[in-house]
Amino acid sequence: MIGEIVAIGDELTSGRILNTTSYFAASQLFAAGHEVAAMITIGDDPKLIGRTLLDSLARADFVVVTGGLGATSDDLTSEAVADALERPSTFYPEILDQIRASSKNAPAELRLSLEKLAWLPAGAHALKYDASTAGYFLVHENKPIFFLPGVPHEMEELLVETVISRLAIWEGEEVRQVRQLVYRVVGLLETQINECLAPLVDGAERVRIGYYPVFPEVHVSLTVVGVEALETDHLFTETDKEIRKLLGVHLYGTEAETLEAVVGRLLAENSMVLALAESCTGGLISHRITRVAGSSDYFLGGVVAYSNELKEQLLGVDGAIIAEYGAVSQETARAMAEGIRHGTGVDIALAVTGIAGPSGGTAEKPVGTVWFGLATAGETEVCKFCFDGERWQVQEAAANKALDLLRLTLIRHDYAKNQSCQLL
């Protein structure tokens, strides 16, 4: 079925609150095999609410409306719908009883105002009679309309528990089998990924691949739609294998998996401990590493040595190196990585030093120049990258690249370890 989502609220159109409800609804509906043709955000204007709903009904098979169902004076959705669909507001005492029962600990004045929630357009039905929140649906000209609260956790609960299931059994609708997966990719541009994967969808009506830049990464979505579960699963499995093969080492994870989580898992699997020496990233890499629960098992800590003095005092960088080659150089990056590793005794250490901008660049070392040093017991590798963008973009890109360099190093270490075991 083809649906539309209408989000209502002045707090959304003013930008005070981010509209996460529409995103959640679209992802859940799409995963259930439905197509969302439009997502519309409007303010608390009764006439606009009515016109928007009628327009959506003219185009779509179903409509999901969020927001404007509360007990305050600016919650106008139900009244606007009653007028637009010519369904007089009707009092539902059973709904009021349930709402009051679930709000018995609320202040007396609030409980009195809850009566507004029981005045709904004629023909409305509660989505869930034992729910403590507002939410109802009605059928207009053989099209279902679902009205959900704007509070994200309340809306998400009703959408998953009631809306998806009602749509699945809607009369006359052939239930589709849908398989989806999101791939997280680093080190390739969106256009490069598209060129690589485009042949997979040529002539394949049931396979869709989407490309979504999420700076500084690119996320790729695979959707396979079919009628028969076995056939859909087979096509999904084969396409998934081909995508993984084509993306190769640039594919670091799927779905909600983060780069820092992957690095943490690899460190733990290899029984290695990490330490960081950061300059231009200002602790951003350490922040990302420690966002992962359990990171204390493999992350000893880091030093933000922003000044040359701290590079010398805390990391043991020879002042002569900085004087001759500069703080942003191959030599300084190497000395920082080796200094933090020797000082802490960790298995692997990473250092980053660069020019985040907007000033400080030269013809030889333009803004965006970043050197990375990665030291292990066996060797120290140093590499340079040049990033574009504003200061924050250079810092984010550098932090992401640092994590990816760690990932690639750990993958090589893991491969060598497994090969050695096989040889033995």
Foldseek 3Di string as FASTA:
>chain_A
DEEEEEEEAPCPVVVVDPQVQQVLLQVVCVQQPYHYPYYYYYYLDLVVLLVVVVVRVVPGQEYEYEALLDLDPSSCNQVSNCVSLVFAWDADVLQLVLLCVLCVVPDPVRNVSCSSNRGGGPQWDAQDSNDNDRWIWHAGPNGIYIYFYSPRVRRSVSCVPGVSVCVQPRPPDQRKNKDKKKWKFPDDDQVVLCVQLVVVCVVPPQWDWDWACDPPIIMIMIMGIGRDPVVRVVSVVVSVVSSCVSRPLRTQDIDPDDLLNSLQVLQVVVVFAEEEEEALLQCPLVVSNVVDPPSVSRYVYYHHQHDPVCLCVVQVQDPVCCVVANCADQNNQQSNFVSVCVVVVTAKYKYKDAALDPDDADPVHGHQWMKMWMDGPVDIDIDIDGDDDHSVSSSRVVSSVRSSVSSVVSVVVVVVVVVVVVVD
